Amino acid sequence: MSDGAATVTLDWSATTEAESYSVETSPDGVDWATAVDGVVGTTADITGLTPGATYQVRVVAHRGTDSATGPSFEVAVATEVERWATTEVGSNANSGGAVTANDDGTVTFDAKASSTKLATSEDGFQYFYTEIDPETENFTLSATFRVDDASTKDNQSGFGILAVDSMVPGSGGDRYFNSAGALVARYGEGTDTIVNGMPGARFVRGYTGATNDATAGSRDESDSQAFDPDYRPEAGLLPKFDTGDVYDFTLRKSNTGFHAVWTRDGVDTEVIDYDPDMLLVQDSERYFVGMVAARKIVVTVTDWDFATIAPEDDEEALEPPTTYVPAELKVDVTSTTPERTIEIPLVSTMHGTGQILDAAGDIVVDGVDLAPGERALVPVALEPGRTASRPVCCRTPNSRSSTSTRPSSRRTRSTCR
């Protein structure tokens, strides 16, 4: 609501061959006025409505000079802002099924006839969601999911809690977005440990542009992981979940980042992504969070709880844990050269200083500054028949990137002939 007027968001199914749509409203079903026109997609915001009033609404499909008017339906405008909404998002949106917010507070996702999918290249799902203001809200969303029907599940079926960077409700073409979630989905793509329908922490990043542009950035799921890699090994590559299963998930956004949690038998398994801004890339002003389901299943959220807290009132951010990598020194140089000098390239996995020793072990070059992943070219003077051998890297005292304090060395030979 704004300045005493209300806005209602409408979604509708696409009409074959329609080029655009308009939406008409009427207070009595007799006198109709165009509220919005020139809509290319299948969703529109209807503004300027009176809070608490009831309207008749209809959608008109247009192709050239031809038009077709759909049946009218009633819209009751709320007297206050409704926090939660339902829609379908992304790949194969509006392909079948529905999301129902039941009178008892449960939410049923009937995706039995839906072709939406939680895939490794794109995403689409039914969504019961709310908008988050990152400046004023951190959140915790917990939900219990009961699998009502998994008889036709496949490797792209899934459900859980998901936050997305940006989205276009009802649009099947807008399917590329950064996300963070506690989900039953596919994990381990590109590895020899692929699992399907597995509970896990799913973090998708790398998209930098519009949600319909797959070329803007590169999708990266490398930080995603199953909560328990040994869960239901008897299922093999088939989806791990089945009819009758119950899963308790939590997704929390703190000043530290995004926390995905699976609670099983009273024990929490938590995975944290330490980037609190990972969902502020495609849209820096807002993101969305809610419960989802996708593809050939029926799932009911039997219990759920949502709470927000101002970032300044939340706990201080935790430091990410130190990542240790093996101490390694890489060298790639020709074995012989007609020149009297040669540049030896050194690449280290840690901060430190490098040395070049000759075949006798005497230092030829000392004090070469090294940094992880950076290539240092070290000029070495040669004499005919003399060999420069064994570059050595010594770790600096303040380095935290190495698993060892001992020098790392790589033997190489380059002889002037």
Protein backbone atom coordinates (compact mmCIF):
# COMPACT_ATOMS: atom_id res chain seq x y z
CA MET A 1 0.00 0.00 0.00
CA SER A 2 1.11 3.57 -0.68
CA ASP A 3 -0.64 6.87 0.11
CA GLY A 4 -3.82 5.02 1.06
CA ALA A 5 -4.02 3.05 -2.20
CA ALA A 6 -3.41 -0.68 -2.59
CA THR A 7 -1.55 -2.71 -5.21
CA VAL A 8 -2.48 -6.27 -6.18
CA THR A 9 -0.21 -8.55 -8.19
CA LEU A 10 -1.97 -10.83 -10.69
CA ASP A 11 -0.61 -13.96 -12.38
CA TRP A 12 -2.31 -15.80 -15.24
CA SER A 13 -1.65 -18.61 -17.69
CA ALA A 14 -0.28 -17.76 -21.13
CA THR A 15 -2.60 -17.70 -24.15
CA THR A 16 -1.29 -19.34 -27.30
CA GLU A 17 -0.13 -16.77 -29.91
CA ALA A 18 -0.88 -13.79 -27.66
CA GLU A 19 1.53 -10.90 -28.25
CA SER A 20 0.53 -8.87 -25.17
CA TYR A 21 -2.09 -8.60 -22.46
CA SER A 22 -4.13 -5.94 -20.72
CA VAL A 23 -5.99 -6.13 -17.41
CA GLU A 24 -9.41 -4.58 -16.85
CA THR A 25 -11.12 -3.88 -13.53
CA SER A 26 -14.70 -3.12 -12.56
CA PRO A 27 -16.34 -2.31 -9.21
CA ASP A 28 -19.62 -3.93 -10.26
CA GLY A 29 -18.89 -6.20 -13.24
CA VAL A 30 -20.67 -3.77 -15.60
CA ASP A 31 -18.44 -0.76 -16.11
CA TRP A 32 -14.91 -1.85 -17.05
CA ALA A 33 -11.71 0.21 -17.16
CA THR A 34 -8.24 -0.73 -18.36
CA ALA A 35 -5.92 -0.85 -15.36
CA VAL A 36 -2.75 -1.81 -17.23
CA ASP A 37 -1.95 -2.67 -20.85
CA GLY A 38 0.99 -3.66 -23.02
CA VAL A 39 1.98 -6.49 -20.66
CA VAL A 40 4.33 -8.93 -22.40
CA GLY A 41 4.60 -11.52 -19.62
CA THR A 42 1.91 -13.20 -17.52
CA THR A 43 1.98 -11.06 -14.41
CA ALA A 44 1.08 -7.45 -13.64
CA ASP A 45 0.71 -5.07 -10.72
CA ILE A 46 -2.68 -3.39 -10.49
CA THR A 47 -2.28 -0.10 -8.64
CA GLY A 48 -4.61 2.52 -7.20
CA LEU A 49 -7.11 0.09 -5.65
CA THR A 50 -9.12 0.88 -2.52
CA PRO A 51 -8.09 -1.13 0.57
CA GLY A 52 -10.94 -3.42 1.68
CA ALA A 53 -12.83 -3.10 -1.60
CA THR A 54 -13.82 -5.96 -3.93
CA TYR A 55 -13.28 -5.76 -7.70
CA GLN A 56 -14.11 -7.81 -10.76
CA VAL A 57 -10.97 -8.38 -12.84
CA ARG A 58 -10.37 -9.88 -16.28
CA VAL A 59 -7.38 -10.38 -18.57
CA VAL A 60 -7.51 -9.53 -22.29
CA ALA A 61 -5.09 -11.22 -24.71
CA HIS A 62 -4.03 -9.24 -27.81
CA ARG A 63 -2.55 -10.24 -31.18
CA GLY A 64 -2.35 -7.43 -33.68
CA THR A 65 -5.82 -5.90 -33.88
CA ASP A 66 -7.48 -9.04 -32.51
CA SER A 67 -8.25 -9.57 -28.83
CA ALA A 68 -9.82 -12.22 -26.64
CA THR A 69 -11.26 -11.47 -23.20
CA GLY A 70 -10.96 -14.05 -20.46
CA PRO A 71 -13.59 -14.76 -17.81
CA SER A 72 -13.87 -12.28 -14.95
CA PHE A 73 -12.95 -13.18 -11.39
CA GLU A 74 -13.26 -11.49 -8.03
CA VAL A 75 -10.38 -9.87 -6.21
CA ALA A 76 -10.77 -8.80 -2.59
CA VAL A 77 -8.22 -6.14 -1.68
CA ALA A 78 -6.68 -6.56 1.76
CA THR A 79 -6.99 -3.82 4.33
CA GLU A 80 -3.29 -4.21 5.20
CA VAL A 81 -0.18 -5.48 3.47
CA GLU A 82 -0.06 -9.26 3.13
CA ARG A 83 3.43 -10.56 3.87
CA TRP A 84 3.22 -13.86 1.97
CA ALA A 85 2.35 -14.64 -1.63
CA THR A 86 2.35 -17.61 -3.99
CA THR A 87 3.66 -17.91 -7.53
CA GLU A 88 5.64 -20.12 -9.87
CA VAL A 89 9.16 -19.09 -10.78
CA GLY A 90 11.63 -19.96 -13.50
CA SER A 91 11.95 -22.98 -15.74
CA ASN A 92 8.56 -24.33 -16.92
CA ALA A 93 6.62 -22.03 -14.59
CA ASN A 94 2.81 -22.46 -14.74
CA SER A 95 3.11 -25.91 -16.35
CA GLY A 96 0.66 -27.51 -13.91
CA GLY A 97 -0.35 -27.88 -10.28
CA ALA A 98 -0.86 -25.23 -7.62
CA VAL A 99 0.23 -23.91 -4.24
CA THR A 100 -2.53 -23.79 -1.61
CA ALA A 101 -2.33 -21.92 1.69
CA ASN A 102 -4.77 -23.96 3.79
CA ASP A 103 -7.03 -22.57 6.50
CA ASP A 104 -5.17 -24.51 9.19
CA GLY A 105 -1.89 -22.74 8.36
CA THR A 106 -0.37 -25.59 6.36
CA VAL A 107 0.80 -25.06 2.78
CA THR A 108 0.37 -27.71 0.08
CA PHE A 109 2.54 -27.79 -3.01
CA ASP A 110 0.85 -29.90 -5.68
CA ALA A 111 3.60 -30.20 -8.30
CA LYS A 112 2.41 -33.60 -9.56
CA ALA A 113 1.64 -32.21 -13.02
CA SER A 114 4.39 -29.58 -12.94
CA SER A 115 7.46 -29.63 -15.19
CA THR A 116 9.37 -27.14 -13.02
CA LYS A 117 12.78 -28.39 -11.97
CA LEU A 118 15.62 -27.86 -9.52
CA ALA A 119 18.40 -28.52 -12.01
CA THR A 120 22.13 -27.93 -12.21
CA SER A 121 21.82 -25.48 -15.11
CA GLU A 122 18.67 -23.53 -14.20
CA ASP A 123 15.82 -23.50 -11.68
CA GLY A 124 12.03 -23.48 -11.66
CA PHE A 125 9.63 -24.13 -8.80
CA GLN A 126 6.37 -23.39 -7.04
CA TYR A 127 6.97 -20.68 -4.43
CA PHE A 128 5.28 -19.54 -1.21
CA TYR A 129 7.41 -16.52 -0.44
CA THR A 130 7.97 -13.08 1.04
CA GLU A 131 10.24 -10.15 0.20
CA ILE A 132 13.21 -9.27 2.41
CA ASP A 133 14.59 -5.78 2.91
CA PRO A 134 18.34 -6.41 3.49
CA GLU A 135 18.82 -3.04 5.14
CA THR A 136 16.32 -3.71 7.93
CA GLU A 137 15.86 -7.50 8.09
CA ASN A 138 17.81 -10.63 8.85
CA PHE A 139 15.53 -13.66 9.05
CA THR A 140 15.02 -17.23 10.23
CA LEU A 141 12.57 -19.48 8.37
CA SER A 142 11.95 -23.00 9.68
CA ALA A 143 9.56 -25.51 8.11
CA THR A 144 8.51 -29.14 8.37
CA PHE A 145 7.95 -30.81 5.00
CA ARG A 146 5.85 -33.97 4.60
CA VAL A 147 6.15 -35.84 1.31
CA ASP A 148 2.58 -36.77 0.31
CA ASP A 149 3.31 -38.31 -3.10
CA ALA A 150 6.72 -39.15 -4.57
CA SER A 151 5.56 -41.96 -6.86
CA THR A 152 6.63 -40.14 -10.04
CA LYS A 153 9.67 -38.27 -8.67
CA ASP A 154 12.77 -37.92 -10.81
CA ASN A 155 16.29 -36.49 -10.51
CA GLN A 156 15.07 -32.88 -10.88
CA SER A 157 12.33 -33.13 -8.24
CA GLY A 158 12.95 -31.33 -4.97
CA PHE A 159 11.62 -29.19 -2.13
CA GLY A 160 12.72 -27.13 0.85
CA ILE A 161 13.47 -23.54 1.85
CA LEU A 162 15.03 -21.22 -0.72
CA ALA A 163 16.09 -17.57 -0.88
CA VAL A 164 16.66 -16.02 -4.31
CA ASP A 165 18.51 -12.89 -5.41
CA SER A 166 15.87 -11.75 -7.89
CA MET A 167 12.87 -13.19 -9.72
CA VAL A 168 10.01 -12.44 -12.08
CA PRO A 169 6.84 -14.14 -10.77
CA GLY A 170 5.13 -16.34 -13.36
CA SER A 171 7.87 -16.02 -15.98
CA GLY A 172 9.32 -19.25 -17.35
CA GLY A 173 12.15 -17.45 -19.12
CA ASP A 174 13.53 -15.87 -15.94
CA ARG A 175 15.29 -18.92 -14.52
CA TYR A 176 18.87 -17.86 -13.76
CA PHE A 177 19.30 -16.48 -10.25
CA ASN A 178 21.67 -16.70 -7.31
CA SER A 179 20.17 -18.57 -4.38
CA ALA A 180 20.73 -20.05 -0.93
CA GLY A 181 18.71 -22.88 0.51
CA ALA A 182 18.18 -25.94 2.65
CA LEU A 183 16.81 -28.28 0.01
CA VAL A 184 16.19 -31.83 -1.06
CA ALA A 185 17.80 -31.66 -4.50
CA ARG A 186 20.71 -32.89 -6.65
CA TYR A 187 24.26 -32.49 -5.31
CA GLY A 188 27.77 -33.26 -6.51
CA GLU A 189 27.35 -32.32 -10.18
CA GLY A 190 30.69 -32.60 -11.97
CA THR A 191 32.10 -35.02 -9.41
CA ASP A 192 32.08 -38.79 -9.02
CA THR A 193 29.71 -38.51 -6.03
CA ILE A 194 26.49 -37.27 -7.64
CA VAL A 195 23.41 -37.84 -5.45
CA ASN A 196 19.78 -37.09 -6.28
CA GLY A 197 16.89 -36.09 -4.06
CA MET A 198 19.30 -35.58 -1.17
CA PRO A 199 18.91 -33.17 1.78
CA GLY A 200 21.62 -30.54 1.56
CA ALA A 201 22.79 -26.94 1.68
CA ARG A 202 22.49 -25.45 -1.80
CA PHE A 203 24.33 -22.24 -2.65
CA VAL A 204 24.20 -20.92 -6.22
CA ARG A 205 26.23 -17.85 -7.16
CA GLY A 206 27.90 -16.36 -10.22
CA TYR A 207 24.95 -14.71 -12.00
CA THR A 208 25.49 -10.98 -12.49
CA GLY A 209 22.70 -9.81 -14.80
CA ALA A 210 19.00 -10.18 -15.50
CA THR A 211 17.30 -13.43 -14.51
CA ASN A 212 16.59 -14.25 -18.17
CA ASP A 213 20.24 -13.89 -19.24
CA ALA A 214 22.27 -17.08 -18.84
CA THR A 215 25.34 -15.38 -20.35
CA ALA A 216 25.61 -12.78 -17.57
CA GLY A 217 28.06 -14.50 -15.30
CA SER A 218 28.65 -18.20 -14.77
CA ARG A 219 26.62 -20.48 -12.48
CA ASP A 220 28.67 -21.85 -9.58
CA GLU A 221 27.33 -24.48 -7.17
CA SER A 222 30.71 -25.55 -5.82
CA ASP A 223 29.86 -24.44 -2.26
CA SER A 224 26.79 -26.69 -2.13
CA GLN A 225 26.96 -29.95 -0.20
CA ALA A 226 24.79 -32.77 1.08
CA PHE A 227 24.09 -32.64 4.81
CA ASP A 228 24.92 -36.34 5.18
CA PRO A 229 26.79 -37.97 2.25
CA ASP A 230 25.98 -41.41 3.69
CA TYR A 231 22.20 -40.85 3.81
CA ARG A 232 20.26 -43.81 2.35
CA PRO A 233 23.06 -45.40 0.30
CA GLU A 234 20.68 -48.17 -0.79
CA ALA A 235 18.93 -45.67 -3.11
CA GLY A 236 22.02 -45.41 -5.32
CA LEU A 237 21.54 -42.71 -7.94
CA LEU A 238 17.76 -42.65 -7.44
CA PRO A 239 16.24 -39.77 -5.42
CA LYS A 240 16.75 -40.44 -1.71
CA PHE A 241 13.34 -39.19 -0.53
CA ASP A 242 10.08 -41.11 -0.63
CA THR A 243 6.37 -40.84 0.12
CA GLY A 244 5.75 -40.40 3.83
CA ASP A 245 9.13 -38.84 4.63
CA VAL A 246 9.26 -35.83 6.95
CA TYR A 247 12.09 -33.27 6.86
CA ASP A 248 12.77 -30.30 9.15
CA PHE A 249 14.74 -27.50 7.48
CA THR A 250 15.85 -24.04 8.56
CA LEU A 251 17.36 -21.23 6.52
CA ARG A 252 18.77 -18.30 8.43
CA LYS A 253 20.29 -15.05 7.20
CA SER A 254 22.57 -13.47 9.80
CA ASN A 255 25.30 -10.87 9.71
CA THR A 256 27.65 -13.80 9.10
CA GLY A 257 25.89 -15.09 6.00
CA PHE A 258 23.38 -17.82 5.14
CA HIS A 259 22.91 -20.82 7.44
CA ALA A 260 21.27 -23.98 6.02
CA VAL A 261 20.18 -26.46 8.69
CA TRP A 262 18.71 -29.97 8.67
CA THR A 263 17.28 -31.09 12.02
CA ARG A 264 17.13 -34.89 12.28
CA ASP A 265 16.31 -36.79 15.48
CA GLY A 266 16.82 -33.57 17.43
CA VAL A 267 20.33 -32.99 16.06
CA ASP A 268 21.14 -30.01 13.81
CA THR A 269 23.47 -30.31 10.84
CA GLU A 270 24.46 -26.78 9.73
CA VAL A 271 26.33 -25.49 6.70
CA ILE A 272 27.22 -21.78 6.53
CA ASP A 273 28.01 -19.65 3.51
CA TYR A 274 30.06 -16.74 4.86
CA ASP A 275 28.95 -14.17 2.28
CA PRO A 276 26.04 -12.10 3.65
CA ASP A 277 25.77 -10.20 0.36
CA MET A 278 25.62 -13.18 -2.00
CA LEU A 279 21.96 -12.43 -2.85
CA LEU A 280 22.47 -8.71 -3.51
CA VAL A 281 24.11 -9.06 -6.93
CA GLN A 282 21.22 -9.18 -9.39
CA ASP A 283 19.08 -6.89 -7.22
CA SER A 284 20.88 -4.88 -4.55
CA GLU A 285 17.71 -3.60 -2.86
CA ARG A 286 15.77 -6.79 -2.05
CA TYR A 287 15.68 -10.55 -2.21
CA PHE A 288 13.06 -13.21 -1.52
CA VAL A 289 12.71 -16.25 0.74
CA GLY A 290 10.12 -18.97 1.08
CA MET A 291 9.19 -22.62 0.70
CA VAL A 292 9.45 -24.37 -2.67
CA ALA A 293 8.60 -27.61 -4.45
CA ALA A 294 9.32 -28.74 -7.99
CA ARG A 295 8.43 -31.46 -10.44
CA LYS A 296 6.13 -34.49 -10.18
CA ILE A 297 5.65 -34.54 -6.41
CA VAL A 298 3.16 -33.40 -3.76
CA VAL A 299 4.54 -31.92 -0.53
CA THR A 300 2.82 -30.28 2.44
CA VAL A 301 4.45 -27.87 4.88
CA THR A 302 2.76 -29.00 8.08
CA ASP A 303 4.39 -26.48 10.42
CA TRP A 304 6.46 -23.38 9.80
CA ASP A 305 7.80 -20.33 11.59
CA PHE A 306 9.25 -17.07 10.31
CA ALA A 307 11.00 -14.36 12.30
CA THR A 308 13.02 -11.26 11.43
CA ILE A 309 15.55 -9.20 13.34
CA ALA A 310 17.23 -5.90 12.52
CA PRO A 311 20.88 -6.46 11.50
CA GLU A 312 22.07 -4.07 14.20
CA ASP A 313 20.25 -6.15 16.83
CA ASP A 314 21.55 -9.49 15.50
CA GLU A 315 24.76 -11.21 16.58
CA GLU A 316 28.03 -9.87 15.23
CA ALA A 317 29.38 -11.56 12.13
CA LEU A 318 31.59 -14.60 12.65
CA GLU A 319 34.95 -14.81 10.91
CA PRO A 320 35.14 -17.50 8.23
CA PRO A 321 37.24 -20.49 9.27
CA THR A 322 40.82 -20.55 8.01
CA THR A 323 41.22 -22.58 4.86
CA TYR A 324 44.45 -24.57 4.81
CA VAL A 325 46.05 -25.65 1.56
CA PRO A 326 49.12 -27.84 0.97
CA ALA A 327 52.42 -25.98 0.65
CA GLU A 328 53.41 -26.30 -2.99
CA LEU A 329 55.85 -24.66 -5.37
CA LYS A 330 55.31 -25.02 -9.10
CA VAL A 331 58.03 -24.48 -11.72
CA ASP A 332 57.86 -24.84 -15.48
CA VAL A 333 61.14 -24.11 -17.27
CA THR A 334 63.09 -25.40 -20.24
CA SER A 335 65.87 -27.91 -19.49
CA THR A 336 68.46 -26.25 -21.76
CA THR A 337 68.96 -22.79 -23.20
CA PRO A 338 71.53 -21.10 -25.47
CA GLU A 339 71.11 -17.89 -23.48
CA ARG A 340 73.37 -16.66 -20.65
CA THR A 341 70.30 -15.76 -18.53
CA ILE A 342 66.95 -17.44 -17.97
CA GLU A 343 63.72 -16.40 -16.25
CA ILE A 344 62.48 -19.14 -13.95
CA PRO A 345 58.70 -18.88 -13.24
CA LEU A 346 57.70 -19.70 -9.66
CA VAL A 347 54.08 -20.16 -8.50
CA SER A 348 53.45 -20.86 -4.81
CA THR A 349 50.32 -21.81 -2.85
CA MET A 350 51.41 -19.71 0.13
CA HIS A 351 52.98 -16.42 1.10
CA GLY A 352 56.74 -16.64 1.50
CA THR A 353 60.15 -15.99 -0.03
CA GLY A 354 61.84 -17.99 -2.75
CA GLN A 355 65.41 -19.04 -3.44
CA ILE A 356 67.14 -20.54 -6.47
CA LEU A 357 69.98 -22.96 -5.68
CA ASP A 358 72.60 -24.33 -8.05
CA ALA A 359 73.46 -28.01 -8.42
CA ALA A 360 75.87 -27.80 -5.51
CA GLY A 361 73.21 -26.36 -3.23
CA ASP A 362 74.64 -22.85 -3.21
CA ILE A 363 72.16 -19.94 -3.30
CA VAL A 364 72.04 -18.28 -6.71
CA VAL A 365 69.04 -15.98 -6.08
CA ASP A 366 67.51 -15.17 -2.69
CA GLY A 367 64.58 -13.17 -1.29
CA VAL A 368 62.00 -13.69 -4.07
CA ASP A 369 58.61 -12.48 -2.80
CA LEU A 370 55.90 -15.10 -3.38
CA ALA A 371 52.10 -14.90 -2.99
CA PRO A 372 49.44 -17.59 -3.53
CA GLY A 373 48.66 -18.12 -7.20
CA GLU A 374 50.86 -15.25 -8.40
CA ARG A 375 53.62 -15.95 -10.94
CA ALA A 376 57.05 -14.61 -10.06
CA LEU A 377 59.66 -14.51 -12.85
CA VAL A 378 63.15 -14.90 -11.42
CA PRO A 379 66.08 -13.97 -13.73
CA VAL A 380 69.08 -16.26 -13.23
CA ALA A 381 72.52 -15.75 -14.76
CA LEU A 382 74.02 -18.93 -16.25
CA GLU A 383 77.49 -20.06 -17.22
CA PRO A 384 78.15 -22.69 -19.90
CA GLY A 385 77.60 -26.10 -18.40
CA ARG A 386 76.38 -24.69 -15.07
CA THR A 387 72.98 -25.88 -13.80
CA ALA A 388 70.49 -23.84 -11.79
CA SER A 389 68.60 -26.27 -9.61
CA ARG A 390 65.97 -26.63 -6.89
CA PRO A 391 63.92 -23.50 -6.28
CA VAL A 392 62.91 -23.31 -2.61
CA CYS A 393 59.95 -21.52 -0.97
CA CYS A 394 60.07 -20.64 2.74
CA ARG A 395 56.78 -19.80 4.49
CA THR A 396 56.51 -16.36 6.06
CA PRO A 397 55.66 -16.32 9.79
CA ASN A 398 52.25 -14.64 9.32
CA SER A 399 51.05 -16.97 6.57
CA ARG A 400 47.88 -18.96 7.34
CA SER A 401 47.49 -20.64 3.98
CA SER A 402 49.87 -23.53 4.41
CA THR A 403 49.54 -26.83 6.23
CA SER A 404 53.27 -26.96 6.94
CA THR A 405 55.98 -24.63 8.25
CA ARG A 406 58.72 -26.53 6.47
CA PRO A 407 60.15 -25.12 3.23
CA SER A 408 58.65 -26.43 0.01
CA SER A 409 61.02 -27.21 -2.82
CA ARG A 410 60.76 -28.26 -6.45
CA ARG A 411 63.72 -29.73 -8.30
CA THR A 412 64.32 -28.43 -11.80
CA ARG A 413 67.35 -28.15 -14.03
CA SER A 414 68.30 -25.56 -16.63
CA THR A 415 71.75 -25.75 -18.23
CA CYS A 416 73.45 -23.21 -20.47
CA ARG A 417 75.01 -24.91 -23.53
